[in-house]
C-alpha atoms as a PDB file:
ATOM      1  CA  MET A   1      20.721  18.941 -10.806  1.00  0.00           C
ATOM      2  CA  ASN A   2      17.041  18.765  -9.802  1.00  0.00           C
ATOM      3  CA  PHE A   3      15.870  15.408  -8.388  1.00  0.00           C
ATOM      4  CA  SER A   4      13.302  14.995 -11.172  1.00  0.00           C
ATOM      5  CA  GLN A   5      16.122  15.128 -13.716  1.00  0.00           C
ATOM      6  CA  LYS A   6      17.801  12.197 -11.960  1.00  0.00           C
ATOM      7  CA  ALA A   7      14.624  10.079 -11.841  1.00  0.00           C
ATOM      8  CA  GLU A   8      13.554   8.084 -14.868  1.00  0.00           C
ATOM      9  CA  LEU A   9      11.287   5.260 -15.908  1.00  0.00           C
ATOM     10  CA  LYS A  10      12.704   2.855 -18.476  1.00  0.00           C
ATOM     11  CA  ASP A  11      11.096   0.061 -20.459  1.00  0.00           C
ATOM     12  CA  ILE A  12      11.721  -3.381 -19.030  1.00  0.00           C
ATOM     13  CA  LYS A  13      14.107  -5.421 -21.140  1.00  0.00           C
ATOM     14  CA  GLU A  14      14.786  -9.135 -21.067  1.00  0.00           C
ATOM     15  CA  GLU A  15      18.065  -8.582 -19.225  1.00  0.00           C
ATOM     16  CA  ASP A  16      16.108  -6.880 -16.380  1.00  0.00           C
ATOM     17  CA  LEU A  17      13.918  -9.890 -15.664  1.00  0.00           C
ATOM     18  CA  LYS A  18      16.243 -11.607 -13.190  1.00  0.00           C
ATOM     19  CA  GLN A  19      16.535  -8.452 -11.052  1.00  0.00           C
ATOM     20  CA  ILE A  20      12.792  -7.776 -11.107  1.00  0.00           C
ATOM     21  CA  LEU A  21      11.998 -11.384 -10.170  1.00  0.00           C
ATOM     22  CA  GLU A  22      14.437 -11.212  -7.262  1.00  0.00           C
ATOM     23  CA  TRP A  23      12.746  -8.033  -6.020  1.00  0.00           C
ATOM     24  CA  ARG A  24       9.213  -9.343  -6.531  1.00  0.00           C
ATOM     25  CA  ASN A  25       9.976 -12.540  -4.592  1.00  0.00           C
ATOM     26  CA  LYS A  26      11.287 -10.699  -1.526  1.00  0.00           C
ATOM     27  CA  GLU A  27       9.184 -11.512   1.537  1.00  0.00           C
ATOM     28  CA  SER A  28       8.629  -7.820   2.318  1.00  0.00           C
ATOM     29  CA  ILE A  29       7.081  -7.286  -1.131  1.00  0.00           C
ATOM     30  CA  ARG A  30       5.177 -10.570  -1.421  1.00  0.00           C
ATOM     31  CA  LYS A  31       3.365 -10.077   1.882  1.00  0.00           C
ATOM     32  CA  VAL A  32       1.593  -6.920   0.625  1.00  0.00           C
ATOM     33  CA  MET A  33       0.647  -8.274  -2.815  1.00  0.00           C
ATOM     34  CA  TYR A  34      -2.617 -10.037  -3.694  1.00  0.00           C
ATOM     35  CA  ASN A  35      -0.572 -13.075  -4.696  1.00  0.00           C
ATOM     36  CA  SER A  36       2.118 -13.763  -2.130  1.00  0.00           C
ATOM     37  CA  ASN A  37       3.356 -16.987  -3.740  1.00  0.00           C
ATOM     38  CA  ILE A  38       6.935 -17.294  -4.919  1.00  0.00           C
ATOM     39  CA  ILE A  39       7.022 -16.586  -8.648  1.00  0.00           C
ATOM     40  CA  LEU A  40       9.070 -19.001 -10.755  1.00  0.00           C
ATOM     41  CA  MET A  41      11.218 -17.783 -13.639  1.00  0.00           C
ATOM     42  CA  ASP A  42       9.013 -19.437 -16.282  1.00  0.00           C
ATOM     43  CA  GLN A  43       5.939 -17.685 -14.818  1.00  0.00           C
ATOM     44  CA  HIS A  44       7.871 -14.427 -14.809  1.00  0.00           C
ATOM     45  CA  ILE A  45       8.870 -14.863 -18.460  1.00  0.00           C
ATOM     46  CA  GLN A  46       5.221 -15.551 -19.352  1.00  0.00           C
ATOM     47  CA  TRP A  47       4.234 -12.297 -17.585  1.00  0.00           C
ATOM     48  CA  TYR A  48       6.896 -10.425 -19.561  1.00  0.00           C
ATOM     49  CA  GLU A  49       5.757 -11.945 -22.873  1.00  0.00           C
ATOM     50  CA  ARG A  50       2.119 -10.997 -22.149  1.00  0.00           C
ATOM     51  CA  LEU A  51       3.273  -7.502 -21.221  1.00  0.00           C
ATOM     52  CA  GLN A  52       5.027  -7.086 -24.577  1.00  0.00           C
ATOM     53  CA  LYS A  53       1.752  -7.773 -26.405  1.00  0.00           C
ATOM     54  CA  SER A  54      -0.583  -5.936 -24.056  1.00  0.00           C
ATOM     55  CA  GLU A  55      -2.488  -2.824 -25.048  1.00  0.00           C
ATOM     56  CA  THR A  56      -3.801  -2.345 -21.501  1.00  0.00           C
ATOM     57  CA  ALA A  57      -0.637  -2.669 -19.386  1.00  0.00           C
ATOM     58  CA  ILE A  58       2.736  -0.961 -19.141  1.00  0.00           C
ATOM     59  CA  SER A  59       5.579  -1.767 -16.744  1.00  0.00           C
ATOM     60  CA  LYS A  60       8.707   0.292 -16.206  1.00  0.00           C
ATOM     61  CA  ILE A  61      11.833   0.087 -14.092  1.00  0.00           C
ATOM     62  CA  PHE A  62      12.383   3.109 -11.875  1.00  0.00           C
ATOM     63  CA  TYR A  63      15.932   4.501 -11.842  1.00  0.00           C
ATOM     64  CA  TYR A  64      17.373   7.275  -9.760  1.00  0.00           C
ATOM     65  CA  ASP A  65      20.791   8.636 -10.662  1.00  0.00           C
ATOM     66  CA  HIS A  66      21.214   5.646 -13.057  1.00  0.00           C
ATOM     67  CA  VAL A  67      20.594   3.081 -10.278  1.00  0.00           C
ATOM     68  CA  PRO A  68      17.540   0.759 -10.535  1.00  0.00           C
ATOM     69  CA  TYR A  69      15.382   0.812  -7.404  1.00  0.00           C
ATOM     70  CA  GLY A  70      11.906  -0.429  -8.269  1.00  0.00           C
ATOM     71  CA  VAL A  71       9.062  -1.097 -10.656  1.00  0.00           C
ATOM     72  CA  LEU A  72       5.955   0.747 -11.824  1.00  0.00           C
ATOM     73  CA  ASN A  73       3.053  -1.325 -13.144  1.00  0.00           C
ATOM     74  CA  ILE A  74       0.174   0.331 -14.964  1.00  0.00           C
ATOM     75  CA  ASN A  75      -2.814  -1.927 -15.624  1.00  0.00           C
ATOM     76  CA  GLN A  76      -6.366  -1.819 -16.863  1.00  0.00           C
ATOM     77  CA  ILE A  77      -5.600   1.055 -19.230  1.00  0.00           C
ATOM     78  CA  ASP A  78      -9.018   2.088 -20.502  1.00  0.00           C
ATOM     79  CA  VAL A  79      -8.753   4.492 -23.454  1.00  0.00           C
ATOM     80  CA  ILE A  80     -12.531   4.978 -23.665  1.00  0.00           C
ATOM     81  CA  ASN A  81     -12.857   6.231 -20.080  1.00  0.00           C
ATOM     82  CA  ASN A  82      -9.260   7.504 -19.928  1.00  0.00           C
ATOM     83  CA  LYS A  83      -8.360   5.752 -16.688  1.00  0.00           C
ATOM     84  CA  CYS A  84      -6.025   3.080 -15.365  1.00  0.00           C
ATOM     85  CA  GLU A  85      -4.764   1.374 -12.212  1.00  0.00           C
ATOM     86  CA  TRP A  86      -1.262   1.274 -10.818  1.00  0.00           C
ATOM     87  CA  GLY A  87       0.984  -0.811  -8.624  1.00  0.00           C
ATOM     88  CA  PHE A  88       4.608  -0.293  -7.707  1.00  0.00           C
ATOM     89  CA  PHE A  89       7.363  -1.350  -5.382  1.00  0.00           C
ATOM     90  CA  ILE A  90      10.846  -0.410  -4.324  1.00  0.00           C
ATOM     91  CA  GLY A  91      12.821  -3.632  -4.472  1.00  0.00           C
ATOM     92  CA  ALA A  92      16.422  -2.589  -3.980  1.00  0.00           C
ATOM     93  CA  ASN A  93      17.751  -3.263  -0.487  1.00  0.00           C
ATOM     94  CA  ASN A  94      20.011  -0.219  -0.649  1.00  0.00           C
ATOM     95  CA  ALA A  95      17.263   2.277  -1.573  1.00  0.00           C
ATOM     96  CA  PRO A  96      17.846   5.611   0.167  1.00  0.00           C
ATOM     97  CA  ARG A  97      15.094   7.043   2.346  1.00  0.00           C
ATOM     98  CA  GLY A  98      12.427   8.762   0.252  1.00  0.00           C
ATOM     99  CA  MET A  99      12.983   6.720  -2.903  1.00  0.00           C
ATOM    100  CA  GLY A 100       9.367   5.517  -2.805  1.00  0.00           C
ATOM    101  CA  THR A 101       8.106   9.092  -2.771  1.00  0.00           C
ATOM    102  CA  ILE A 102      10.354   9.953  -5.715  1.00  0.00           C
ATOM    103  CA  LEU A 103       9.062   6.848  -7.532  1.00  0.00           C
ATOM    104  CA  GLY A 104       5.481   7.981  -6.836  1.00  0.00           C
ATOM    105  CA  PHE A 105       6.145  11.546  -7.993  1.00  0.00           C
ATOM    106  CA  THR A 106       7.873  10.368 -11.172  1.00  0.00           C
ATOM    107  CA  SER A 107       5.195   7.768 -11.905  1.00  0.00           C
ATOM    108  CA  LEU A 108       2.256  10.112 -11.414  1.00  0.00           C
ATOM    109  CA  ASN A 109       3.854  12.693 -13.686  1.00  0.00           C
ATOM    110  CA  TYR A 110       4.384   9.989 -16.312  1.00  0.00           C
ATOM    111  CA  ILE A 111       0.815   8.677 -16.021  1.00  0.00           C
ATOM    112  CA  PHE A 112      -0.879  12.079 -16.098  1.00  0.00           C
ATOM    113  CA  GLU A 113       1.442  14.011 -18.385  1.00  0.00           C
ATOM    114  CA  GLU A 114       2.956  11.534 -20.840  1.00  0.00           C
ATOM    115  CA  LEU A 115       0.060   9.077 -20.995  1.00  0.00           C
ATOM    116  CA  SER A 116      -2.548  11.846 -20.543  1.00  0.00           C
ATOM    117  CA  ILE A 117      -4.627   9.711 -18.211  1.00  0.00           C
ATOM    118  CA  ARG A 118      -7.633  11.419 -16.567  1.00  0.00           C
ATOM    119  CA  LYS A 119      -7.983   9.181 -13.497  1.00  0.00           C
ATOM    120  CA  LEU A 120      -5.684   6.755 -11.687  1.00  0.00           C
ATOM    121  CA  SER A 121      -6.965   4.121  -9.273  1.00  0.00           C
ATOM    122  CA  ALA A 122      -5.258   1.863  -6.775  1.00  0.00           C
ATOM    123  CA  GLU A 123      -6.230  -1.151  -4.714  1.00  0.00           C
ATOM    124  CA  VAL A 124      -4.445  -1.357  -1.363  1.00  0.00           C
ATOM    125  CA  LEU A 125      -4.667  -4.140   1.189  1.00  0.00           C
ATOM    126  CA  GLY A 126      -6.190  -2.573   4.295  1.00  0.00           C
ATOM    127  CA  MET A 127      -3.482  -4.140   6.462  1.00  0.00           C
ATOM    128  CA  ASN A 128      -0.776  -2.366   4.426  1.00  0.00           C
ATOM    129  CA  GLU A 129      -0.641   0.779   6.538  1.00  0.00           C
ATOM    130  CA  LYS A 130       2.497   2.017   4.799  1.00  0.00           C
ATOM    131  CA  SER A 131       0.810   1.971   1.370  1.00  0.00           C
ATOM    132  CA  VAL A 132      -2.371   3.549   2.774  1.00  0.00           C
ATOM    133  CA  ALA A 133      -0.319   6.452   4.195  1.00  0.00           C
ATOM    134  CA  PHE A 134       1.669   6.681   0.954  1.00  0.00           C
ATOM    135  CA  HIS A 135      -1.434   7.051  -1.211  1.00  0.00           C
ATOM    136  CA  GLN A 136      -2.891   9.640   1.132  1.00  0.00           C
ATOM    137  CA  LYS A 137       0.378  11.594   1.097  1.00  0.00           C
ATOM    138  CA  LEU A 138       0.356  11.620  -2.716  1.00  0.00           C
ATOM    139  CA  GLY A 139      -3.161  13.103  -2.714  1.00  0.00           C
ATOM    140  CA  PHE A 140      -5.294  10.041  -3.424  1.00  0.00           C
ATOM    141  CA  PHE A 141      -8.803   9.864  -1.973  1.00  0.00           C
ATOM    142  CA  GLN A 142     -10.304   6.676  -0.586  1.00  0.00           C
ATOM    143  CA  GLU A 143     -13.282   5.864  -2.792  1.00  0.00           C
ATOM    144  CA  GLY A 144     -14.402   2.597  -1.283  1.00  0.00           C
ATOM    145  CA  VAL A 145     -13.730  -0.606   0.593  1.00  0.00           C
ATOM    146  CA  LEU A 146     -14.025  -4.152  -0.662  1.00  0.00           C
ATOM    147  CA  ARG A 147     -14.700  -5.845   2.662  1.00  0.00           C
ATOM    148  CA  LYS A 148     -12.923  -9.126   3.446  1.00  0.00           C
ATOM    149  CA  HIS A 149     -11.991  -9.340  -0.208  1.00  0.00           C
ATOM    150  CA  ILE A 150      -8.626 -11.146  -0.195  1.00  0.00           C
ATOM    151  CA  VAL A 151      -7.467 -14.139   1.822  1.00  0.00           C
ATOM    152  CA  LYS A 152      -3.871 -14.034   3.060  1.00  0.00           C
ATOM    153  CA  ASP A 153      -2.358 -16.352   5.623  1.00  0.00           C
ATOM    154  CA  GLY A 154      -5.763 -17.865   6.363  1.00  0.00           C
ATOM    155  CA  SER A 155      -7.504 -14.548   7.098  1.00  0.00           C
ATOM    156  CA  TYR A 156      -9.672 -12.325   4.951  1.00  0.00           C
ATOM    157  CA  HIS A 157      -8.557  -8.726   4.459  1.00  0.00           C
ATOM    158  CA  ASP A 158     -10.245  -5.579   3.220  1.00  0.00           C
ATOM    159  CA  VAL A 159      -9.073  -3.928   0.023  1.00  0.00           C
ATOM    160  CA  LEU A 160      -9.198  -0.132   0.007  1.00  0.00           C
ATOM    161  CA  ILE A 161      -9.935   1.590  -3.290  1.00  0.00           C
ATOM    162  CA  TYR A 162      -8.102   4.866  -3.917  1.00  0.00           C
ATOM    163  CA  GLY A 163      -8.359   7.317  -6.778  1.00  0.00           C
ATOM    164  CA  ILE A 164      -6.818  10.555  -7.969  1.00  0.00           C
ATOM    165  CA  PHE A 165      -7.681  12.763 -10.933  1.00  0.00           C
ATOM    166  CA  LYS A 166      -5.128  14.543 -13.064  1.00  0.00           C
ATOM    167  CA  GLU A 167      -6.236  17.980 -11.824  1.00  0.00           C
ATOM    168  CA  GLU A 168      -5.919  16.823  -8.196  1.00  0.00           C
ATOM    169  CA  TRP A 169      -2.387  15.608  -8.860  1.00  0.00           C
ATOM    170  CA  LEU A 170      -1.450  18.868 -10.580  1.00  0.00           C
ATOM    171  CA  GLU A 171      -2.678  20.790  -7.515  1.00  0.00           C
ATOM    172  CA  HIS A 172      -0.686  18.481  -5.209  1.00  0.00           C
ATOM    173  CA  THR A 173       2.562  18.320  -7.232  1.00  0.00           C
ATOM    174  CA  VAL A 174       4.264  21.343  -5.671  1.00  0.00           C
ATOM    175  CA  TYR A 175       3.542  20.027  -2.176  1.00  0.00           C
ATOM    176  CA  ILE A 176       5.064  16.595  -2.929  1.00  0.00           C
ATOM    177  CA  GLN A 177       8.043  18.202  -4.641  1.00  0.00           C
ATOM    178  CA  SER A 178       8.642  20.319  -1.513  1.00  0.00           C
ATOM    179  CA  ILE A 179       8.483  17.195   0.681  1.00  0.00           C
ATOM    180  CA  ILE A 180      11.049  15.437  -1.490  1.00  0.00           C
ATOM    181  CA  GLU A 181      13.385  18.421  -1.612  1.00  0.00           C
ATOM    182  CA  GLY A 182      12.949  19.218   2.091  1.00  0.00           C
ATOM    183  CA  ARG A 183      13.170  15.764   3.623  1.00  0.00           C
ATOM    184  CA  TYR A 184      15.110  13.503   1.327  1.00  0.00           C
ATOM    185  CA  LEU A 185      17.627  15.531  -0.615  1.00  0.00           C
END
């Protein structure tokens, strides 16, 4: 079975909230988010309730071989300009090597093919070297820098703006698929 047949994005259900909150509150995830505060369950439930009503946001749980590993967040969906922003994380402690790349591959296919989005953008904390390298590997281009834009731990940090168009992703898909099949499977 091909890896893309094992990867899936599922709608978040109420019974998933505890797991997602546990992942989101992990120190390793919080430290690379804009908001690094611990999220309380009532705040998390409010987020979920807003998500259910939103016309500009979608969140999914990422599964591989029926095991949940992370979350995809799509925000700022703009149907007029056919663009959106994304965020994501692998939260499971037992995630095999390469699961983030498979999440990225699966998510970009979903965004560009199923949602028919023209352009995807991302904001990455400049200090998050892992996410910077990840976006570059997936074919994103750096489009700008918001200098000293976010304060974390008493210091201001740059936010890097990345973007990728559907046609750029389609050109890059075979390369990413070969990386996944060659390195991780």
